[in-house]
C-alpha cells in the first residue's frame, strides 16, 4: 500500500474489527512509521518516517536492440548454445547501457532462447545438416575461411531401404598428415560425446615424428557400425589425402567390420590390433566366467598373457598357451580356466587372424560437437607450433607396454601329448 509518498506492507489483520495494520516497507532498516486502516480508510498514523526514500532508477528499454542482436548472433554463432548466447548479449548490453541508477528493460532468458531457436530454424529450414553448411560452422574460424567440415556424405544403407550420413571434421593443417609416407594410423571409436542422430565417432590419429606427438587428424561421425560404413569412412580419408594415404601400419579395435574394412582399403598395410583392446576383450570374458579378481589381475599383468603377442605364431596354440598356464595362478578355478582357454583358441586363433594381435618380427612402431573439435584441433596445432619453437616440450606418452618373451620361455619343457583343455 502507498500512502503519503511512502510504501507500506501488511503486518497483521483483525477481521473482527475489519482493521489492517501496516508498517513502512523499510521497517527492517529501523523505520518505525505505521498505519492503521479500518474499513478501507486510514484512521491513524503512528510515528514519523526516519527512512530515506531512494530515488527510482532510470529505466532504459533495450528490448528492441536485444532482439536484433540475438537474431544476428544466433546466425554468426550457430554452434553456441542459446542460453550461453543470451548471457553474452545481456552482458554486452549491461556493459554499454548499465550503470549506477540505471535499470535495463530486457528480454528474459526463456523468450530469448525461443527467439534464437526460431531464427536458426528459419535460416536452415529446421534441418541441422543445412545449418552445418553455413559459413560460421563449416569454416575453421571467422578469420580463416578454409573448410573444417571436410565432408558430409549421404549414402544408402546396405539393404537399400534407408539413408545414412557421414560427417568428417578436421583442420586442413592436420589433414596434411594423411599424406605422410609410411604413416601409422590409429583408429578408435567413442560413444560418449556423440550428438544425435549419430551412434559413434571414429577418431583417426597419426604420429607426428617432428615433434614426437600423437595427433587426432580427423573426427568422423557415423550412424551405423558396419563394414560398409567403415569402408566409406576410409575411402573419404583417401580422397581427403588427395589419394596419397598409404599407411604402413593401422592399429584398431578387434571389431570384425572395422578390421575387414581396413584390409580392403589398405591391403598392403600391417594391421595391428590394439593391445589395450585385446586385453580388454580378454578381461570381459574372464569376468563373464566369474574368475577370481586376483587371478584376472595376475593373468593380465605384464609377462603373462601378453607373452602370446610376441612369440612365433606356430607356437601359440601349443607351447605358448601351456607356458602361460604354467605361470598364471589357476588355483581353485581349473574348470573355468579350461573354458577360457577354449574360448581363446577358438576366437583369437580361428575367428581373428593371429597377425592382428601377434606382432612377432614386426617393426615396432554436431554443432556444439563441431565447435569442440575445432577447439581441440586448434590446441594441437598450437602445441605443435610451440614444441617446434621450444616453448613447450612434447608430453610424455602413456607408459609404453612392450611385451617381451620371458627369459624362462625358451627353456620351458612340456609334454606335447598332454594338454589341459
Protein backbone atom coordinates (compact mmCIF):
# COMPACT_ATOMS: atom_id res chain seq x y z
CA UNK A 1 0.00 0.00 0.00
CA UNK A 2 1.24 3.50 -0.84
CA UNK A 3 0.41 6.45 1.38
CA UNK A 4 1.92 9.88 1.66
CA UNK A 5 4.67 9.08 -0.81
CA UNK A 6 5.80 6.00 1.11
CA UNK A 7 5.18 2.30 0.67
CA UNK A 8 3.75 0.14 3.44
CA UNK A 9 3.38 -3.61 3.93
CA UNK A 10 0.79 -5.57 5.92
CA UNK A 11 1.91 -6.64 9.36
CA UNK A 12 -1.33 -8.14 10.67
CA UNK A 13 -5.08 -8.05 10.19
CA UNK A 14 -8.04 -8.14 12.56
CA UNK A 15 -11.14 -9.48 10.77
CA UNK A 16 -13.39 -8.86 13.79
CA UNK A 17 -12.93 -5.10 13.54
CA UNK A 18 -12.08 -5.02 9.80
CA UNK A 19 -8.75 -3.43 10.67
CA UNK A 20 -5.39 -3.80 8.90
CA UNK A 21 -2.11 -2.74 10.48
CA UNK A 22 0.67 -1.61 8.13
CA UNK A 23 4.39 -0.94 8.64
CA UNK A 24 6.75 1.00 6.44
CA UNK A 25 8.34 -1.37 3.94
CA UNK A 26 11.72 -0.29 5.29
CA UNK A 27 10.94 -1.42 8.81
CA UNK A 28 13.95 -3.76 8.70
CA UNK A 29 16.12 -0.67 8.29
CA UNK A 30 14.69 0.79 11.51
CA UNK A 31 11.79 2.89 10.24
CA UNK A 32 9.00 2.84 12.86
CA UNK A 33 6.22 4.51 10.81
CA UNK A 34 2.90 2.64 10.89
CA UNK A 35 -0.62 2.96 9.55
CA UNK A 36 -3.94 1.73 10.88
CA UNK A 37 -6.62 1.22 8.25
CA UNK A 38 -10.20 0.40 9.16
CA UNK A 39 -12.92 -0.16 6.58
CA UNK A 40 -10.56 0.92 3.79
CA UNK A 41 -9.77 4.31 5.34
CA UNK A 42 -6.67 5.42 7.21
CA UNK A 43 -7.68 6.10 10.79
CA UNK A 44 -4.25 6.65 12.36
CA UNK A 45 -0.61 7.27 11.52
CA UNK A 46 1.90 6.16 14.13
CA UNK A 47 5.44 7.54 14.43
CA UNK A 48 7.34 9.54 11.84
CA UNK A 49 9.30 8.15 8.93
CA UNK A 50 13.04 8.14 9.60
CA UNK A 51 13.89 6.36 6.34
CA UNK A 52 15.10 7.94 3.15
CA UNK A 53 13.04 7.34 0.06
CA UNK A 54 15.53 6.14 -2.55
CA UNK A 55 15.12 7.67 -6.00
CA UNK A 56 13.62 5.38 -8.59
CA UNK A 57 16.22 4.16 -11.09
CA UNK A 58 16.18 5.35 -14.66
CA UNK A 59 14.77 2.59 -16.87
CA UNK A 60 16.33 2.05 -20.29
CA UNK A 61 14.36 -0.15 -22.69
CA UNK A 62 16.84 -2.22 -24.74
CA UNK A 63 14.44 -4.96 -25.83
CA UNK A 64 14.38 -3.95 -29.49
CA UNK A 65 18.15 -3.76 -29.72
CA UNK A 66 18.48 -7.01 -27.78
CA UNK A 67 16.16 -8.83 -30.18
CA UNK A 68 18.21 -7.67 -33.19
CA UNK A 69 21.45 -8.70 -31.50
CA UNK A 70 20.06 -12.11 -30.53
CA UNK A 71 18.94 -12.77 -34.11
CA UNK A 72 22.28 -11.67 -35.55
CA UNK A 73 24.34 -13.67 -33.08
CA UNK A 74 22.17 -16.77 -33.48
CA UNK A 75 23.39 -16.97 -37.09
CA UNK A 76 27.00 -15.87 -36.71
CA UNK A 77 27.47 -18.09 -33.65
CA UNK A 78 25.49 -21.09 -34.80
CA UNK A 79 27.30 -23.55 -32.52
CA UNK A 80 26.86 -21.51 -29.32
CA UNK A 81 24.10 -22.86 -27.03
CA UNK A 82 21.08 -20.49 -26.85
CA UNK A 83 21.35 -19.91 -23.09
CA UNK A 84 25.03 -19.01 -23.40
CA UNK A 85 24.29 -16.70 -26.32
CA UNK A 86 21.60 -14.86 -24.32
CA UNK A 87 24.05 -14.37 -21.45
CA UNK A 88 26.68 -12.95 -23.81
CA UNK A 89 24.21 -10.46 -25.33
CA UNK A 90 22.89 -9.48 -21.90
CA UNK A 91 26.41 -8.88 -20.55
CA UNK A 92 27.28 -6.76 -23.58
CA UNK A 93 24.17 -4.57 -23.21
CA UNK A 94 24.76 -4.19 -19.48
CA UNK A 95 28.30 -3.04 -20.18
CA UNK A 96 27.10 -0.49 -22.75
CA UNK A 97 23.99 0.93 -21.06
CA UNK A 98 24.10 -0.16 -17.44
CA UNK A 99 25.42 1.86 -14.56
CA UNK A 100 24.53 3.31 -11.18
CA UNK A 101 20.89 4.34 -11.05
CA UNK A 102 20.06 2.70 -14.39
CA UNK A 103 17.85 -0.35 -14.85
CA UNK A 104 17.61 -2.18 -18.16
CA UNK A 105 14.36 -3.46 -19.57
CA UNK A 106 15.43 -6.64 -21.35
CA UNK A 107 14.07 -9.80 -22.96
CA UNK A 108 14.12 -12.55 -20.29
CA UNK A 109 16.12 -15.71 -20.88
CA UNK A 110 13.25 -18.06 -21.74
CA UNK A 111 11.70 -15.99 -24.57
CA UNK A 112 15.19 -15.06 -25.75
CA UNK A 113 16.07 -18.74 -26.18
CA UNK A 114 12.91 -19.17 -28.26
CA UNK A 115 13.93 -16.24 -30.48
CA UNK A 116 17.34 -17.82 -31.07
CA UNK A 117 15.90 -21.23 -31.90
CA UNK A 118 13.26 -19.83 -34.27
CA UNK A 119 15.84 -17.68 -36.06
CA UNK A 120 18.14 -20.63 -36.60
CA UNK A 121 15.24 -22.78 -37.75
CA UNK A 122 14.14 -20.14 -40.28
CA UNK A 123 17.66 -19.91 -41.71
CA UNK A 124 18.20 -23.66 -42.01
CA UNK A 125 14.64 -24.80 -42.63
CA UNK A 126 14.83 -26.71 -39.36
CA UNK A 127 17.49 -29.02 -40.83
CA UNK A 128 20.63 -29.26 -38.72
CA UNK A 129 22.53 -30.64 -41.71
CA UNK A 130 21.75 -27.42 -43.58
CA UNK A 131 22.88 -25.45 -40.56
CA UNK A 132 26.35 -27.02 -40.55
CA UNK A 133 26.85 -25.81 -44.12
CA UNK A 134 26.69 -22.17 -43.05
CA UNK A 135 29.98 -20.32 -43.13
CA UNK A 136 30.06 -19.84 -39.36
CA UNK A 137 30.07 -23.61 -38.83
CA UNK A 138 31.84 -25.13 -41.82
CA UNK A 139 34.87 -22.81 -41.76
CA UNK A 140 37.82 -23.03 -39.39
CA UNK A 141 37.03 -19.63 -37.85
CA UNK A 142 35.84 -16.13 -38.64
CA UNK A 143 39.40 -15.27 -39.68
CA UNK A 144 40.10 -18.49 -41.59
CA UNK A 145 37.72 -19.36 -44.44
CA UNK A 146 39.24 -22.81 -45.05
CA UNK A 147 36.92 -25.75 -44.54
CA UNK A 148 36.82 -27.53 -41.20
CA UNK A 149 33.85 -29.60 -42.34
CA UNK A 150 35.67 -31.83 -44.82
CA UNK A 151 32.77 -33.99 -45.93
CA UNK A 152 29.08 -34.55 -45.24
CA UNK A 153 28.06 -37.59 -47.25
CA UNK A 154 24.73 -39.37 -47.57
CA UNK A 155 24.63 -42.93 -48.88
CA UNK A 156 22.03 -45.71 -48.98
CA UNK A 157 22.06 -48.50 -46.43
CA UNK A 158 23.21 -51.97 -47.43
CA UNK A 159 19.58 -53.09 -47.70
CA UNK A 160 18.74 -50.06 -49.80
CA UNK A 161 15.80 -49.17 -47.57
CA UNK A 162 17.22 -46.08 -45.91
CA UNK A 163 19.94 -43.46 -45.92
CA UNK A 164 22.98 -42.93 -43.71
CA UNK A 165 25.20 -39.91 -43.23
CA UNK A 166 28.92 -39.49 -42.59
CA UNK A 167 30.38 -36.22 -41.34
CA UNK A 168 34.15 -35.68 -41.36
CA UNK A 169 35.78 -32.88 -39.36
CA UNK A 170 39.43 -31.85 -39.37
CA UNK A 171 41.66 -28.81 -39.59
CA UNK A 172 43.33 -28.52 -43.02
CA UNK A 173 46.78 -28.27 -41.41
CA UNK A 174 46.20 -31.57 -39.60
CA UNK A 175 44.71 -33.26 -42.66
CA UNK A 176 48.08 -32.87 -44.42
CA UNK A 177 49.49 -35.54 -42.14
CA UNK A 178 47.45 -38.12 -44.05
CA UNK A 179 49.85 -37.58 -46.97
CA UNK A 180 52.93 -38.62 -44.97
CA UNK A 181 54.67 -41.67 -46.46
CA UNK A 182 54.53 -44.90 -44.42
CA UNK A 183 52.27 -43.29 -41.85
CA UNK A 184 50.90 -45.22 -38.88
CA UNK A 185 47.19 -44.74 -38.25
CA UNK A 186 45.33 -45.37 -35.00
CA UNK A 187 41.56 -45.74 -35.32
CA UNK A 188 39.29 -45.84 -32.30
CA UNK A 189 35.62 -45.20 -31.66
CA UNK A 190 33.86 -43.36 -28.89
CA UNK A 191 30.18 -43.20 -27.94
CA UNK A 192 30.06 -40.79 -25.00
CA UNK A 193 30.30 -37.48 -26.89
CA UNK A 194 28.26 -38.29 -29.98
CA UNK A 195 25.44 -35.91 -30.96
CA UNK A 196 22.15 -37.23 -32.32
CA UNK A 197 21.36 -38.86 -34.73
CA UNK A 198 24.83 -40.43 -34.82
CA UNK A 199 25.84 -43.51 -32.87
CA UNK A 200 29.64 -43.36 -32.96
CA UNK A 201 32.56 -41.01 -33.53
CA UNK A 202 35.61 -42.54 -35.17
CA UNK A 203 38.81 -40.77 -34.16
CA UNK A 204 41.71 -41.20 -36.58
CA UNK A 205 45.09 -40.40 -35.04
CA UNK A 206 48.55 -40.24 -36.57
CA UNK A 207 52.07 -39.80 -35.23
CA UNK A 208 53.85 -36.52 -35.96
CA UNK A 209 57.54 -37.53 -35.84
CA UNK A 210 58.92 -33.98 -35.97
CA UNK A 211 57.55 -33.22 -32.50
CA UNK A 212 57.09 -36.77 -31.14
CA UNK A 213 53.35 -36.25 -30.72
CA UNK A 214 50.22 -38.31 -31.41
CA UNK A 215 47.65 -36.09 -33.10
CA UNK A 216 43.94 -36.64 -33.87
CA UNK A 217 43.82 -35.80 -37.57
CA UNK A 218 40.14 -36.47 -38.22
CA UNK A 219 36.83 -37.00 -36.42
CA UNK A 220 34.14 -38.88 -38.34
CA UNK A 221 30.54 -39.17 -37.15
CA UNK A 222 28.74 -42.31 -38.30
CA UNK A 223 25.23 -43.63 -37.78
CA UNK A 224 25.82 -47.36 -38.23
CA UNK A 225 28.61 -49.72 -37.18
CA UNK A 226 29.02 -51.84 -40.30
CA UNK A 227 31.79 -52.90 -42.65
CA UNK A 228 30.27 -50.83 -45.46
CA UNK A 229 30.20 -47.72 -43.26
CA UNK A 230 33.80 -48.14 -42.16
CA UNK A 231 34.87 -48.76 -45.77
CA UNK A 232 33.23 -45.49 -46.82
CA UNK A 233 34.93 -43.63 -43.96
CA UNK A 234 38.34 -44.88 -45.02
CA UNK A 235 37.53 -44.07 -48.64
CA UNK A 236 36.73 -40.47 -47.67
CA UNK A 237 40.08 -40.25 -45.86
CA UNK A 238 41.84 -41.44 -49.02
CA UNK A 239 40.08 -38.72 -51.02
CA UNK A 240 40.90 -36.15 -48.32
CA UNK A 241 44.59 -37.02 -48.68
CA UNK A 242 44.43 -36.45 -52.44
CA UNK A 243 44.74 -40.24 -52.78
CA UNK A 244 48.15 -40.24 -51.11
CA UNK A 245 47.10 -42.11 -47.97
CA UNK A 246 49.09 -45.37 -47.91
CA UNK A 247 49.62 -46.32 -44.26
CA UNK A 248 52.33 -48.77 -43.33
CA UNK A 249 50.58 -49.79 -40.10
CA UNK A 250 46.98 -49.49 -38.94
CA UNK A 251 46.07 -50.07 -35.30
CA UNK A 252 42.41 -50.50 -34.41
CA UNK A 253 39.93 -52.31 -32.20
CA UNK A 254 39.15 -56.01 -32.68
CA UNK A 255 35.86 -55.34 -34.42
CA UNK A 256 35.41 -57.65 -37.44
CA UNK A 257 33.60 -54.98 -39.50
CA UNK A 258 36.38 -52.44 -38.95
CA UNK A 259 39.16 -54.98 -39.42
CA UNK A 260 37.71 -56.17 -42.74
CA UNK A 261 37.21 -52.61 -43.98
CA UNK A 262 40.84 -51.75 -43.21
CA UNK A 263 42.08 -54.87 -45.00
CA UNK A 264 40.01 -53.99 -48.08
CA UNK A 265 41.10 -50.37 -48.26
CA UNK A 266 44.75 -50.89 -47.29
CA UNK A 267 45.71 -54.44 -48.34
CA UNK A 268 49.46 -53.77 -48.02
CA UNK A 269 49.29 -52.24 -44.54
CA UNK A 270 50.23 -54.15 -41.41
CA UNK A 271 47.04 -54.48 -39.37
CA UNK A 272 47.83 -54.48 -35.67
CA UNK A 273 45.15 -54.86 -33.03
CA UNK A 274 45.48 -52.54 -30.07
CA UNK A 275 46.98 -54.34 -27.05
CA UNK A 276 44.66 -52.40 -24.73
CA UNK A 277 41.54 -53.52 -26.62
CA UNK A 278 42.89 -57.08 -26.82
CA UNK A 279 43.36 -57.29 -23.07
CA UNK A 280 40.04 -55.54 -22.54
CA UNK A 281 38.26 -58.23 -24.57
CA UNK A 282 40.01 -60.98 -22.62
CA UNK A 283 39.12 -59.37 -19.31
CA UNK A 284 35.44 -59.17 -20.27
CA UNK A 285 35.45 -62.90 -20.97
CA UNK A 286 37.18 -63.63 -17.66
CA UNK A 287 34.58 -61.61 -15.78
CA UNK A 288 31.82 -63.39 -17.68
CA UNK A 289 33.24 -66.73 -16.50
CA UNK A 290 33.40 -65.33 -12.93
CA UNK A 291 37.09 -65.97 -12.49
CA UNK A 292 38.57 -64.63 -9.23
CA UNK A 293 39.57 -60.96 -9.46
CA UNK A 294 43.10 -61.59 -8.18
CA UNK A 295 43.66 -64.30 -10.82
CA UNK A 296 42.39 -61.97 -13.57
CA UNK A 297 44.75 -59.24 -12.41
CA UNK A 298 47.64 -61.70 -12.36
CA UNK A 299 46.88 -63.05 -15.84
CA UNK A 300 46.70 -59.56 -17.38
CA UNK A 301 49.87 -58.28 -15.74
CA UNK A 302 52.99 -57.82 -17.94
CA UNK A 303 54.82 -61.02 -18.79
CA UNK A 304 51.74 -63.25 -18.63
CA UNK A 305 49.09 -63.29 -21.36
CA UNK A 306 50.85 -60.64 -23.41
CA UNK A 307 53.66 -63.15 -23.98
CA UNK A 308 51.40 -64.70 -26.62
CA UNK A 309 51.60 -61.49 -28.67
CA UNK A 310 55.36 -61.73 -29.26
CA UNK A 311 56.16 -65.42 -29.69
CA UNK A 312 56.12 -67.12 -33.14
CA UNK A 313 52.59 -67.78 -34.40
CA UNK A 314 53.10 -71.52 -34.76
CA UNK A 315 53.98 -71.80 -31.05
CA UNK A 316 50.88 -70.03 -29.67
CA UNK A 317 48.40 -72.93 -29.53
CA UNK A 318 50.80 -75.44 -28.01
CA UNK A 319 53.89 -74.19 -26.20
CA UNK A 320 52.66 -70.62 -25.77
CA UNK A 321 49.38 -71.40 -24.04
CA UNK A 322 50.99 -74.13 -21.89
CA UNK A 323 53.72 -71.73 -20.80
CA UNK A 324 51.25 -69.02 -19.81
CA UNK A 325 49.13 -71.53 -17.88
CA UNK A 326 52.24 -72.66 -16.01
CA UNK A 327 52.91 -69.14 -14.67
CA UNK A 328 49.32 -67.95 -14.16
CA UNK A 329 47.59 -68.75 -10.87
CA UNK A 330 44.62 -71.05 -11.64
CA UNK A 331 44.19 -72.42 -8.12
CA UNK A 332 40.62 -73.49 -7.42
CA UNK A 333 39.35 -72.41 -10.86
CA UNK A 334 40.73 -75.06 -13.24
CA UNK A 335 37.37 -75.74 -14.90
CA UNK A 336 36.71 -72.06 -15.57
CA UNK A 337 40.23 -71.56 -16.91
CA UNK A 338 39.79 -74.57 -19.22
CA UNK A 339 36.67 -72.87 -20.61
CA UNK A 340 38.56 -69.60 -21.03
CA UNK A 341 41.41 -71.20 -22.98
CA UNK A 342 38.97 -73.00 -25.26
CA UNK A 343 37.40 -69.60 -25.97
CA UNK A 344 40.84 -68.05 -26.52
CA UNK A 345 41.96 -70.62 -29.08
CA UNK A 346 38.65 -70.56 -30.93
CA UNK A 347 38.36 -66.77 -31.02
CA UNK A 348 41.92 -65.49 -31.27
CA UNK A 349 43.47 -68.17 -33.46
CA UNK A 350 40.49 -69.08 -35.65
CA UNK A 351 37.96 -66.23 -35.79
CA UNK A 352 40.59 -63.46 -35.90
CA UNK A 353 43.78 -63.71 -37.88
CA UNK A 354 46.64 -64.15 -35.41
CA UNK A 355 48.58 -61.38 -37.18
CA UNK A 356 46.07 -58.79 -35.95
CA UNK A 357 47.28 -59.17 -32.37
CA UNK A 358 50.59 -61.04 -32.59
CA UNK A 359 53.50 -58.76 -33.55
CA UNK A 360 56.34 -61.27 -33.71
CA UNK A 361 59.08 -59.94 -36.08
CA UNK A 362 57.09 -56.74 -36.85
CA UNK A 363 58.89 -53.39 -36.66
CA UNK A 364 57.59 -51.56 -33.57
CA UNK A 365 56.22 -48.86 -34.48
CA UNK A 366 27.07 -31.79 -34.18
CA UNK A 367 27.05 -28.07 -33.83
CA UNK A 368 28.47 -27.95 -30.32
CA UNK A 369 30.39 -31.10 -31.15
CA UNK A 370 31.90 -29.39 -34.23
CA UNK A 371 32.89 -26.38 -32.16
CA UNK A 372 34.57 -28.69 -29.66
CA UNK A 373 36.57 -30.42 -32.38
CA UNK A 374 37.63 -27.03 -33.77
CA UNK A 375 38.97 -26.04 -30.38
CA UNK A 376 40.69 -29.40 -29.98
CA UNK A 377 42.34 -29.08 -33.40
CA UNK A 378 43.46 -25.54 -32.60
CA UNK A 379 45.04 -26.72 -29.34
CA UNK A 380 47.00 -29.45 -31.11
CA UNK A 381 48.18 -27.06 -33.82
CA UNK A 382 49.29 -24.57 -31.19
CA UNK A 383 51.07 -27.31 -29.27
CA UNK A 384 52.91 -28.48 -32.40
CA UNK A 385 53.99 -24.91 -33.14
CA UNK A 386 55.10 -24.30 -29.55
CA UNK A 387 57.13 -27.52 -29.48
CA UNK A 388 58.91 -26.53 -32.70
CA UNK A 389 59.71 -23.10 -31.21
CA UNK A 390 60.89 -24.60 -27.94
CA UNK A 391 58.06 -23.02 -25.94
CA UNK A 392 56.75 -26.46 -24.93
CA UNK A 393 58.18 -29.91 -24.67
CA UNK A 394 56.48 -32.94 -26.16
CA UNK A 395 54.29 -34.52 -23.47
CA UNK A 396 55.28 -37.94 -22.25
CA UNK A 397 53.23 -40.70 -23.77
CA UNK A 398 51.47 -43.17 -21.54
CA UNK A 399 53.96 -45.63 -20.09
CA UNK A 400 54.72 -47.93 -23.01
CA UNK A 401 53.73 -51.56 -22.70
CA UNK A 402 56.18 -53.53 -24.79
CA UNK A 403 55.52 -57.24 -24.40
CA UNK A 404 58.64 -59.35 -24.47
CA UNK A 405 59.42 -63.03 -24.44
CA UNK A 406 60.16 -64.00 -20.80
CA UNK A 407 63.58 -65.43 -20.05
CA UNK A 408 62.13 -68.78 -19.00
CA UNK A 409 60.07 -69.30 -22.15
CA UNK A 410 62.89 -70.71 -24.33
CA UNK A 411 63.77 -73.37 -21.74
CA UNK A 412 60.15 -74.26 -20.98
CA UNK A 413 59.55 -78.00 -21.46
CA UNK A 414 56.15 -79.60 -21.92
CA UNK A 415 54.61 -82.92 -22.82
CA UNK A 416 53.00 -82.46 -26.23
CA UNK A 417 50.74 -85.46 -25.61
CA UNK A 418 49.13 -83.85 -22.59
CA UNK A 419 47.23 -80.61 -22.92
CA UNK A 420 44.68 -79.33 -20.48
CA UNK A 421 41.65 -78.18 -22.39
